[in-house]
Amino acid sequence: MTPDNQDILFSGEYNSYRPTELDPESQHLTCFVGGMFGLGGRLFDIE
């Protein structure tokens, strides 16, 4: 949720002992994920 209603995504964490809850904690380290999705999407034809 952002003040300017940005259509953006982040990666959080998941714990199996709270199966219905997302932990919306993110890290600078997880910012690589965008590149990974982009590369995988191109290589495997997943737009």
All heavy atoms as atom14 arrays in JSON, in Angstrom:
{
  "sequence": "MTPDNQDILFSGEYNSYRPTELDPESQHLTCFVGGMFGLGGRLFDIE",
  "atom14_mask": [
    [1, 1, 1, 1, 1, 1, 1, 1, 0, 0, 0, 0, 0, 0],
    [1, 1, 1, 1, 1, 1, 1, 0, 0, 0, 0, 0, 0, 0],
    [1, 1, 1, 1, 1, 1, 1, 0, 0, 0, 0, 0, 0, 0],
    [1, 1, 1, 1, 1, 1, 1, 1, 0, 0, 0, 0, 0, 0],
    [1, 1, 1, 1, 1, 1, 1, 1, 0, 0, 0, 0, 0, 0],
    [1, 1, 1, 1, 1, 1, 1, 1, 1, 0, 0, 0, 0, 0],
    [1, 1, 1, 1, 1, 1, 1, 1, 0, 0, 0, 0, 0, 0],
    [1, 1, 1, 1, 1, 1, 1, 1, 0, 0, 0, 0, 0, 0],
    [1, 1, 1, 1, 1, 1, 1, 1, 0, 0, 0, 0, 0, 0],
    [1, 1, 1, 1, 1, 1, 1, 1, 1, 1, 1, 0, 0, 0],
    [1, 1, 1, 1, 1, 1, 0, 0, 0, 0, 0, 0, 0, 0],
    [1, 1, 1, 1, 0, 0, 0, 0, 0, 0, 0, 0, 0, 0],
    [1, 1, 1, 1, 1, 1, 1, 1, 1, 0, 0, 0, 0, 0],
    [1, 1, 1, 1, 1, 1, 1, 1, 1, 1, 1, 1, 0, 0],
    [1, 1, 1, 1, 1, 1, 1, 1, 0, 0, 0, 0, 0, 0],
    [1, 1, 1, 1, 1, 1, 0, 0, 0, 0, 0, 0, 0, 0],
    [1, 1, 1, 1, 1, 1, 1, 1, 1, 1, 1, 1, 0, 0],
    [1, 1, 1, 1, 1, 1, 1, 1, 1, 1, 1, 0, 0, 0],
    [1, 1, 1, 1, 1, 1, 1, 0, 0, 0, 0, 0, 0, 0],
    [1, 1, 1, 1, 1, 1, 1, 0, 0, 0, 0, 0, 0, 0],
    [1, 1, 1, 1, 1, 1, 1, 1, 1, 0, 0, 0, 0, 0],
    [1, 1, 1, 1, 1, 1, 1, 1, 0, 0, 0, 0, 0, 0],
    [1, 1, 1, 1, 1, 1, 1, 1, 0, 0, 0, 0, 0, 0],
    [1, 1, 1, 1, 1, 1, 1, 0, 0, 0, 0, 0, 0, 0],
    [1, 1, 1, 1, 1, 1, 1, 1, 1, 0, 0, 0, 0, 0],
    [1, 1, 1, 1, 1, 1, 0, 0, 0, 0, 0, 0, 0, 0],
    [1, 1, 1, 1, 1, 1, 1, 1, 1, 0, 0, 0, 0, 0],
    [1, 1, 1, 1, 1, 1, 1, 1, 1, 1, 0, 0, 0, 0],
    [1, 1, 1, 1, 1, 1, 1, 1, 0, 0, 0, 0, 0, 0],
    [1, 1, 1, 1, 1, 1, 1, 0, 0, 0, 0, 0, 0, 0],
    [1, 1, 1, 1, 1, 1, 0, 0, 0, 0, 0, 0, 0, 0],
    [1, 1, 1, 1, 1, 1, 1, 1, 1, 1, 1, 0, 0, 0],
    [1, 1, 1, 1, 1, 1, 1, 0, 0, 0, 0, 0, 0, 0],
    [1, 1, 1, 1, 0, 0, 0, 0, 0, 0, 0, 0, 0, 0],
    [1, 1, 1, 1, 0, 0, 0, 0, 0, 0, 0, 0, 0, 0],
    [1, 1, 1, 1, 1, 1, 1, 1, 0, 0, 0, 0, 0, 0],
    [1, 1, 1, 1, 1, 1, 1, 1, 1, 1, 1, 0, 0, 0],
    [1, 1, 1, 1, 0, 0, 0, 0, 0, 0, 0, 0, 0, 0],
    [1, 1, 1, 1, 1, 1, 1, 1, 0, 0, 0, 0, 0, 0],
    [1, 1, 1, 1, 0, 0, 0, 0, 0, 0, 0, 0, 0, 0],
    [1, 1, 1, 1, 0, 0, 0, 0, 0, 0, 0, 0, 0, 0],
    [1, 1, 1, 1, 1, 1, 1, 1, 1, 1, 1, 0, 0, 0],
    [1, 1, 1, 1, 1, 1, 1, 1, 0, 0, 0, 0, 0, 0],
    [1, 1, 1, 1, 1, 1, 1, 1, 1, 1, 1, 0, 0, 0],
    [1, 1, 1, 1, 1, 1, 1, 1, 0, 0, 0, 0, 0, 0],
    [1, 1, 1, 1, 1, 1, 1, 1, 0, 0, 0, 0, 0, 0],
    [1, 1, 1, 1, 1, 1, 1, 1, 1, 0, 0, 0, 0, 0]
  ],
  "atom14_positions": [
    [[0.85, -1.18, 0.0], [0.0, 0.0, 0.0], [0.9, 1.24, 0.0], [1.74, 1.4, 0.89], [-0.9, 0.0, 1.23], [-1.92, 1.12, 1.24], [-3.0, 1.06, 2.71], [-1.86, 1.57, 3.99], [0.0, 0.0, 0.0], [0.0, 0.0, 0.0], [0.0, 0.0, 0.0], [0.0, 0.0, 0.0], [0.0, 0.0, 0.0], [0.0, 0.0, 0.0]],
    [[0.75, 2.09, -0.99], [1.6, 3.28, -1.12], [0.74, 4.53, -1.27], [-0.39, 4.46, -1.79], [2.53, 3.16, -2.33], [1.75, 3.16, -3.54], [3.37, 1.9, -2.27], [0.0, 0.0, 0.0], [0.0, 0.0, 0.0], [0.0, 0.0, 0.0], [0.0, 0.0, 0.0], [0.0, 0.0, 0.0], [0.0, 0.0, 0.0], [0.0, 0.0, 0.0]],
    [[1.24, 5.69, -0.86], [0.45, 6.93, -0.96], [0.07, 7.28, -2.38], [-0.99, 7.88, -2.61], [1.4, 7.99, -0.37], [2.36, 7.24, 0.46], [2.53, 5.91, -0.19], [0.0, 0.0, 0.0], [0.0, 0.0, 0.0], [0.0, 0.0, 0.0], [0.0, 0.0, 0.0], [0.0, 0.0, 0.0], [0.0, 0.0, 0.0], [0.0, 0.0, 0.0]],
    [[0.9, 6.91, -3.35], [0.61, 7.24, -4.75], [0.06, 6.06, -5.53], [0.04, 6.06, -6.76], [1.86, 7.79, -5.44], [3.09, 6.96, -5.15], [2.99, 5.97, -4.4], [4.17, 7.31, -5.67], [0.0, 0.0, 0.0], [0.0, 0.0, 0.0], [0.0, 0.0, 0.0], [0.0, 0.0, 0.0], [0.0, 0.0, 0.0], [0.0, 0.0, 0.0]],
    [[-0.38, 5.02, -4.79], [-1.06, 3.86, -5.4], [-0.23, 3.23, -6.52], [-0.73, 2.93, -7.6], [-2.44, 4.26, -5.93], [-3.34, 3.06, -6.15], [-3.15, 2.01, -5.54], [-4.31, 3.21, -7.04], [0.0, 0.0, 0.0], [0.0, 0.0, 0.0], [0.0, 0.0, 0.0], [0.0, 0.0, 0.0], [0.0, 0.0, 0.0], [0.0, 0.0, 0.0]],
    [[1.05, 3.02, -6.26], [1.95, 2.44, -7.24], [1.62, 0.97, -7.51], [1.37, 0.2, -6.58], [3.39, 2.54, -6.75], [3.96, 3.94, -6.74], [4.37, 4.38, -8.12], [4.89, 3.61, -8.92], [4.12, 5.65, -8.42], [0.0, 0.0, 0.0], [0.0, 0.0, 0.0], [0.0, 0.0, 0.0], [0.0, 0.0, 0.0], [0.0, 0.0, 0.0]],
    [[1.62, 0.58, -8.76], [1.4, -0.82, -9.13], [2.76, -1.51, -9.19], [3.34, -1.73, -10.25], [0.7, -0.91, -10.49], [0.3, -2.35, -10.83], [0.41, -3.23, -9.96], [-0.08, -2.58, -11.99], [0.0, 0.0, 0.0], [0.0, 0.0, 0.0], [0.0, 0.0, 0.0], [0.0, 0.0, 0.0], [0.0, 0.0, 0.0], [0.0, 0.0, 0.0]],
    [[3.28, -1.83, -8.01], [4.61, -2.4, -7.88], [4.53, -3.64, -6.99], [3.51, -3.88, -6.34], [5.61, -1.39, -7.29], [5.07, -0.81, -5.98], [5.92, -0.28, -8.3], [6.0, 0.16, -5.28], [0.0, 0.0, 0.0], [0.0, 0.0, 0.0], [0.0, 0.0, 0.0], [0.0, 0.0, 0.0], [0.0, 0.0, 0.0], [0.0, 0.0, 0.0]],
    [[5.63, -4.4, -6.97], [5.67, -5.62, -6.17], [6.95, -5.68, -5.34], [7.98, -5.12, -5.72], [5.6, -6.86, -7.08], [4.31, -7.12, -7.84], [4.5, -8.28, -8.83], [3.16, -7.41, -6.89], [0.0, 0.0, 0.0], [0.0, 0.0, 0.0], [0.0, 0.0, 0.0], [0.0, 0.0, 0.0], [0.0, 0.0, 0.0], [0.0, 0.0, 0.0]],
    [[6.84, -6.41, -4.22], [8.0, -6.74, -3.4], [7.92, -8.21, -3.02], [6.87, -8.84, -3.15], [8.04, -5.88, -2.13], [8.49, -4.47, -2.37], [7.58, -3.49, -2.76], [9.82, -4.1, -2.22], [7.98, -2.19, -2.99], [10.25, -2.81, -2.45], [9.33, -1.85, -2.84], [0.0, 0.0, 0.0], [0.0, 0.0, 0.0], [0.0, 0.0, 0.0]],
    [[9.03, -8.74, -2.56], [9.07, -10.12, -2.11], [9.19, -10.16, -0.59], [10.09, -9.53, -0.02], [10.27, -10.85, -2.74], [10.33, -12.18, -2.27], [0.0, 0.0, 0.0], [0.0, 0.0, 0.0], [0.0, 0.0, 0.0], [0.0, 0.0, 0.0], [0.0, 0.0, 0.0], [0.0, 0.0, 0.0], [0.0, 0.0, 0.0], [0.0, 0.0, 0.0]],
    [[8.29, -10.89, 0.05], [8.3, -11.02, 1.5], [8.83, -12.37, 1.93], [9.65, -12.99, 1.25], [0.0, 0.0, 0.0], [0.0, 0.0, 0.0], [0.0, 0.0, 0.0], [0.0, 0.0, 0.0], [0.0, 0.0, 0.0], [0.0, 0.0, 0.0], [0.0, 0.0, 0.0], [0.0, 0.0, 0.0], [0.0, 0.0, 0.0], [0.0, 0.0, 0.0]],
    [[8.33, -12.84, 3.07], [8.76, -14.13, 3.61], [7.53, -14.96, 4.0], [6.44, -14.42, 4.23], [9.69, -13.94, 4.81], [10.94, -13.14, 4.45], [12.07, -13.32, 5.44], [11.86, -14.0, 6.47], [13.16, -12.78, 5.18], [0.0, 0.0, 0.0], [0.0, 0.0, 0.0], [0.0, 0.0, 0.0], [0.0, 0.0, 0.0], [0.0, 0.0, 0.0]],
    [[7.75, -16.27, 4.06], [6.66, -17.19, 4.38], [7.16, -18.17, 5.45], [8.28, -18.69, 5.36], [6.23, -17.96, 3.14], [5.23, -19.06, 3.39], [3.86, -18.79, 3.45], [5.64, -20.38, 3.59], [2.94, -19.8, 3.68], [4.73, -21.39, 3.83], [3.37, -21.09, 3.88], [2.46, -22.09, 4.11], [0.0, 0.0, 0.0], [0.0, 0.0, 0.0]],
    [[6.35, -18.38, 6.46], [6.65, -19.36, 7.5], [5.54, -20.39, 7.55], [4.36, -20.03, 7.65], [6.8, -18.68, 8.86], [8.02, -17.78, 8.91], [9.14, -18.25, 8.91], [7.79, -16.47, 8.95], [0.0, 0.0, 0.0], [0.0, 0.0, 0.0], [0.0, 0.0, 0.0], [0.0, 0.0, 0.0], [0.0, 0.0, 0.0], [0.0, 0.0, 0.0]],
    [[5.9, -21.65, 7.5], [4.89, -22.7, 7.4], [4.04, -22.81, 8.65], [2.95, -23.37, 8.61], [5.56, -24.04, 7.11], [6.44, -24.4, 8.17], [0.0, 0.0, 0.0], [0.0, 0.0, 0.0], [0.0, 0.0, 0.0], [0.0, 0.0, 0.0], [0.0, 0.0, 0.0], [0.0, 0.0, 0.0], [0.0, 0.0, 0.0], [0.0, 0.0, 0.0]],
    [[4.53, -22.29, 9.79], [3.72, -22.35, 10.99], [2.66, -21.24, 11.01], [1.83, -21.2, 11.9], [4.58, -22.29, 12.26], [5.58, -21.17, 12.3], [5.22, -19.89, 12.68], [6.91, -21.4, 11.96], [6.13, -18.86, 12.72], [7.84, -20.38, 11.99], [7.45, -19.11, 12.38], [8.38, -18.1, 12.4], [0.0, 0.0, 0.0], [0.0, 0.0, 0.0]],
    [[2.71, -20.33, 10.0], [1.64, -19.35, 9.8], [1.21, -19.45, 8.33], [1.44, -18.53, 7.53], [2.11, -17.93, 10.11], [2.45, -17.7, 11.56], [2.43, -16.2, 11.89], [3.26, -15.43, 10.97], [4.54, -15.12, 11.2], [5.12, -15.53, 12.32], [5.23, -14.42, 10.33], [0.0, 0.0, 0.0], [0.0, 0.0, 0.0], [0.0, 0.0, 0.0]],
    [[0.59, -20.56, 7.93], [0.39, -20.86, 6.51], [-0.49, -19.88, 5.76], [-0.42, -19.8, 4.54], [-0.22, -22.26, 6.53], [-0.82, -22.4, 7.88], [0.07, -21.63, 8.8], [0.0, 0.0, 0.0], [0.0, 0.0, 0.0], [0.0, 0.0, 0.0], [0.0, 0.0, 0.0], [0.0, 0.0, 0.0], [0.0, 0.0, 0.0], [0.0, 0.0, 0.0]],
    [[-1.32, -19.13, 6.46], [-2.22, -18.21, 5.74], [-1.7, -16.79, 5.75], [-2.34, -15.89, 5.21], [-3.63, -18.24, 6.37], [-3.52, -17.8, 7.74], [-4.22, -19.63, 6.32], [0.0, 0.0, 0.0], [0.0, 0.0, 0.0], [0.0, 0.0, 0.0], [0.0, 0.0, 0.0], [0.0, 0.0, 0.0], [0.0, 0.0, 0.0], [0.0, 0.0, 0.0]],
    [[-0.56, -16.55, 6.38], [-0.06, -15.2, 6.54], [1.24, -14.98, 5.78], [2.16, -15.78, 5.86], [0.18, -14.88, 8.03], [-1.08, -14.87, 8.87], [-0.77, -14.5, 10.31], [0.18, -13.74, 10.55], [-1.5, -15.01, 11.2], [0.0, 0.0, 0.0], [0.0, 0.0, 0.0], [0.0, 0.0, 0.0], [0.0, 0.0, 0.0], [0.0, 0.0, 0.0]],
    [[1.3, -13.88, 5.08], [2.53, -13.41, 4.46], [3.23, -12.48, 5.44], [2.59, -11.65, 6.08], [2.2, -12.66, 3.17], [3.34, -11.82, 2.58], [4.3, -12.71, 1.8], [2.78, -10.72, 1.68], [0.0, 0.0, 0.0], [0.0, 0.0, 0.0], [0.0, 0.0, 0.0], [0.0, 0.0, 0.0], [0.0, 0.0, 0.0], [0.0, 0.0, 0.0]],
    [[4.53, -12.61, 5.55], [5.31, -11.67, 6.34], [5.87, -10.63, 5.36], [6.79, -10.92, 4.59], [6.45, -12.4, 7.05], [7.3, -11.46, 7.9], [7.0, -10.25, 7.92], [8.27, -11.93, 8.51], [0.0, 0.0, 0.0], [0.0, 0.0, 0.0], [0.0, 0.0, 0.0], [0.0, 0.0, 0.0], [0.0, 0.0, 0.0], [0.0, 0.0, 0.0]],
    [[5.31, -9.4, 5.33], [5.71, -8.41, 4.34], [7.01, -7.7, 4.71], [7.11, -6.48, 4.6], [4.52, -7.46, 4.31], [3.98, -7.5, 5.69], [4.21, -8.91, 6.19], [0.0, 0.0, 0.0], [0.0, 0.0, 0.0], [0.0, 0.0, 0.0], [0.0, 0.0, 0.0], [0.0, 0.0, 0.0], [0.0, 0.0, 0.0], [0.0, 0.0, 0.0]],
    [[7.98, -8.45, 5.16], [9.31, -7.9, 5.4], [10.16, -8.15, 4.15], [10.24, -9.27, 3.66], [9.97, -8.54, 6.61], [11.37, -8.0, 6.87], [11.96, -8.47, 8.18], [11.66, -7.85, 9.23], [12.72, -9.45, 8.16], [0.0, 0.0, 0.0], [0.0, 0.0, 0.0], [0.0, 0.0, 0.0], [0.0, 0.0, 0.0], [0.0, 0.0, 0.0]],
    [[10.78, -7.12, 3.66], [11.59, -7.25, 2.46], [13.01, -6.76, 2.73], [13.28, -6.13, 3.76], [10.95, -6.47, 1.3], [11.46, -6.91, 0.06], [0.0, 0.0, 0.0], [0.0, 0.0, 0.0], [0.0, 0.0, 0.0], [0.0, 0.0, 0.0], [0.0, 0.0, 0.0], [0.0, 0.0, 0.0], [0.0, 0.0, 0.0], [0.0, 0.0, 0.0]],
    [[13.89, -7.04, 1.81], [15.31, -6.72, 1.98], [15.86, -6.14, 0.69], [15.35, -6.41, -0.4], [16.11, -7.99, 2.3], [15.59, -8.85, 3.4], [16.33, -10.18, 3.47], [17.46, -10.32, 3.01], [15.69, -11.17, 4.07], [0.0, 0.0, 0.0], [0.0, 0.0, 0.0], [0.0, 0.0, 0.0], [0.0, 0.0, 0.0], [0.0, 0.0, 0.0]],
    [[16.93, -5.36, 0.82], [17.62, -4.92, -0.38], [18.1, -6.13, -1.18], [18.06, -6.14, -2.41], [18.81, -4.03, -0.02], [19.32, -3.22, -1.18], [19.96, -3.79, -2.26], [19.27, -1.89, -1.43], [20.28, -2.84, -3.13], [19.87, -1.68, -2.66], [0.0, 0.0, 0.0], [0.0, 0.0, 0.0], [0.0, 0.0, 0.0], [0.0, 0.0, 0.0]],
    [[18.5, -7.18, -0.49], [18.99, -8.39, -1.15], [17.95, -8.99, -2.1], [18.3, -9.58, -3.12], [19.41, -9.43, -0.12], [20.78, -9.25, 0.54], [20.93, -10.17, 1.73], [21.9, -9.49, -0.47], [0.0, 0.0, 0.0], [0.0, 0.0, 0.0], [0.0, 0.0, 0.0], [0.0, 0.0, 0.0], [0.0, 0.0, 0.0], [0.0, 0.0, 0.0]],
    [[16.66, -8.86, -1.76], [15.63, -9.48, -2.62], [15.37, -8.69, -3.89], [14.6, -9.14, -4.74], [14.3, -9.66, -1.86], [13.79, -8.39, -1.49], [14.47, -10.54, -0.64], [0.0, 0.0, 0.0], [0.0, 0.0, 0.0], [0.0, 0.0, 0.0], [0.0, 0.0, 0.0], [0.0, 0.0, 0.0], [0.0, 0.0, 0.0], [0.0, 0.0, 0.0]],
    [[16.02, -7.55, -4.05], [15.78, -6.77, -5.26], [16.34, -7.46, -6.51], [16.0, -7.05, -7.63], [16.39, -5.37, -5.12], [15.34, -4.24, -4.16], [0.0, 0.0, 0.0], [0.0, 0.0, 0.0], [0.0, 0.0, 0.0], [0.0, 0.0, 0.0], [0.0, 0.0, 0.0], [0.0, 0.0, 0.0], [0.0, 0.0, 0.0], [0.0, 0.0, 0.0]],
    [[17.13, -8.5, -6.37], [17.58, -9.26, -7.54], [16.42, -9.99, -8.21], [16.52, -10.4, -9.38], [18.65, -10.28, -7.13], [18.08, -11.59, -6.63], [17.87, -12.65, -7.51], [17.71, -11.76, -5.31], [17.32, -13.85, -7.07], [17.17, -12.93, -4.85], [16.97, -14.0, -5.74], [0.0, 0.0, 0.0], [0.0, 0.0, 0.0], [0.0, 0.0, 0.0]],
    [[15.32, -10.18, -7.48], [14.24, -11.05, -7.93], [13.62, -10.53, -9.23], [13.21, -11.32, -10.1], [13.17, -11.2, -6.82], [12.0, -12.04, -7.32], [13.79, -11.84, -5.59], [0.0, 0.0, 0.0], [0.0, 0.0, 0.0], [0.0, 0.0, 0.0], [0.0, 0.0, 0.0], [0.0, 0.0, 0.0], [0.0, 0.0, 0.0], [0.0, 0.0, 0.0]],
    [[13.54, -9.22, -9.4], [12.99, -8.69, -10.64], [13.77, -9.16, -11.85], [13.19, -9.58, -12.87], [0.0, 0.0, 0.0], [0.0, 0.0, 0.0], [0.0, 0.0, 0.0], [0.0, 0.0, 0.0], [0.0, 0.0, 0.0], [0.0, 0.0, 0.0], [0.0, 0.0, 0.0], [0.0, 0.0, 0.0], [0.0, 0.0, 0.0], [0.0, 0.0, 0.0]],
    [[15.08, -9.1, -11.76], [15.92, -9.57, -12.86], [15.77, -11.05, -13.11], [15.77, -11.5, -14.26], [0.0, 0.0, 0.0], [0.0, 0.0, 0.0], [0.0, 0.0, 0.0], [0.0, 0.0, 0.0], [0.0, 0.0, 0.0], [0.0, 0.0, 0.0], [0.0, 0.0, 0.0], [0.0, 0.0, 0.0], [0.0, 0.0, 0.0], [0.0, 0.0, 0.0]],
    [[15.63, -11.83, -12.04], [15.46, -13.27, -12.19], [14.15, -13.59, -12.92], [14.13, -14.42, -13.84], [15.46, -13.94, -10.82], [15.18, -15.44, -10.86], [15.02, -16.18, -9.22], [13.55, -15.36, -8.6], [0.0, 0.0, 0.0], [0.0, 0.0, 0.0], [0.0, 0.0, 0.0], [0.0, 0.0, 0.0], [0.0, 0.0, 0.0], [0.0, 0.0, 0.0]],
    [[13.06, -12.93, -12.51], [11.78, -13.15, -13.2], [11.88, -12.72, -14.66], [11.35, -13.4, -15.56], [10.66, -12.39, -12.5], [9.9, -13.19, -11.5], [10.17, -13.07, -10.14], [8.91, -14.08, -11.89], [9.47, -13.8, -9.19], [8.2, -14.82, -10.96], [8.48, -14.69, -9.6], [0.0, 0.0, 0.0], [0.0, 0.0, 0.0], [0.0, 0.0, 0.0]],
    [[12.52, -11.6, -14.92], [12.65, -11.15, -16.3], [13.44, -12.12, -17.15], [13.05, -12.47, -18.27], [0.0, 0.0, 0.0], [0.0, 0.0, 0.0], [0.0, 0.0, 0.0], [0.0, 0.0, 0.0], [0.0, 0.0, 0.0], [0.0, 0.0, 0.0], [0.0, 0.0, 0.0], [0.0, 0.0, 0.0], [0.0, 0.0, 0.0], [0.0, 0.0, 0.0]],
    [[14.57, -12.59, -16.62], [15.4, -13.54, -17.35], [14.68, -14.86, -17.57], [14.66, -15.4, -18.69], [16.71, -13.77, -16.59], [17.74, -14.68, -17.25], [18.22, -14.1, -18.57], [18.92, -14.93, -16.3], [0.0, 0.0, 0.0], [0.0, 0.0, 0.0], [0.0, 0.0, 0.0], [0.0, 0.0, 0.0], [0.0, 0.0, 0.0], [0.0, 0.0, 0.0]],
    [[14.06, -15.39, -16.51], [13.31, -16.64, -16.65], [12.15, -16.49, -17.61], [11.87, -17.39, -18.42], [0.0, 0.0, 0.0], [0.0, 0.0, 0.0], [0.0, 0.0, 0.0], [0.0, 0.0, 0.0], [0.0, 0.0, 0.0], [0.0, 0.0, 0.0], [0.0, 0.0, 0.0], [0.0, 0.0, 0.0], [0.0, 0.0, 0.0], [0.0, 0.0, 0.0]],
    [[11.47, -15.35, -17.54], [10.34, -15.12, -18.45], [10.77, -15.13, -19.9], [10.05, -15.67, -20.77], [0.0, 0.0, 0.0], [0.0, 0.0, 0.0], [0.0, 0.0, 0.0], [0.0, 0.0, 0.0], [0.0, 0.0, 0.0], [0.0, 0.0, 0.0], [0.0, 0.0, 0.0], [0.0, 0.0, 0.0], [0.0, 0.0, 0.0], [0.0, 0.0, 0.0]],
    [[11.93, -14.54, -20.19], [12.42, -14.53, -21.57], [12.9, -15.92, -22.01], [12.54, -16.4, -23.08], [13.56, -13.53, -21.71], [13.1, -12.12, -21.97], [12.56, -11.98, -23.4], [12.2, -10.6, -23.69], [10.98, -10.1, -23.59], [9.97, -10.88, -23.2], [10.74, -8.84, -23.89], [0.0, 0.0, 0.0], [0.0, 0.0, 0.0], [0.0, 0.0, 0.0]],
    [[13.71, -16.57, -21.18], [14.27, -17.86, -21.58], [13.19, -18.93, -21.76], [13.29, -19.77, -22.65], [15.29, -18.34, -20.53], [16.63, -17.61, -20.49], [17.44, -18.06, -19.28], [17.42, -17.87, -21.77], [0.0, 0.0, 0.0], [0.0, 0.0, 0.0], [0.0, 0.0, 0.0], [0.0, 0.0, 0.0], [0.0, 0.0, 0.0], [0.0, 0.0, 0.0]],
    [[12.16, -18.88, -20.91], [11.15, -19.93, -20.92], [9.83, -19.46, -21.53], [8.83, -20.17, -21.43], [10.93, -20.45, -19.5], [12.2, -20.89, -18.81], [12.52, -20.45, -17.54], [13.1, -21.72, -19.47], [13.69, -20.85, -16.91], [14.27, -22.12, -18.86], [14.57, -21.69, -17.57], [0.0, 0.0, 0.0], [0.0, 0.0, 0.0], [0.0, 0.0, 0.0]],
    [[9.84, -18.3, -22.15], [8.67, -17.78, -22.86], [7.46, -17.67, -21.94], [6.36, -18.15, -22.25], [8.35, -18.67, -24.07], [7.42, -17.99, -25.06], [7.35, -16.75, -25.05], [6.76, -18.69, -25.84], [0.0, 0.0, 0.0], [0.0, 0.0, 0.0], [0.0, 0.0, 0.0], [0.0, 0.0, 0.0], [0.0, 0.0, 0.0], [0.0, 0.0, 0.0]],
    [[7.66, -17.01, -20.79], [6.58, -16.79, -19.84], [6.41, -15.27, -19.71], [7.06, -14.63, -18.88], [6.87, -17.41, -18.47], [7.38, -18.85, -18.6], [5.63, -17.36, -17.57], [7.88, -19.46, -17.3], [0.0, 0.0, 0.0], [0.0, 0.0, 0.0], [0.0, 0.0, 0.0], [0.0, 0.0, 0.0], [0.0, 0.0, 0.0], [0.0, 0.0, 0.0]],
    [[5.58, -14.69, -20.53], [5.45, -13.23, -20.56], [4.97, -12.69, -19.23], [5.35, -11.58, -18.82], [4.49, -12.82, -21.68], [4.42, -11.32, -21.92], [5.77, -10.71, -22.28], [6.62, -11.42, -22.87], [5.99, -9.52, -21.95], [0.0, 0.0, 0.0], [0.0, 0.0, 0.0], [0.0, 0.0, 0.0], [0.0, 0.0, 0.0], [0.0, 0.0, 0.0]]
  ]
}
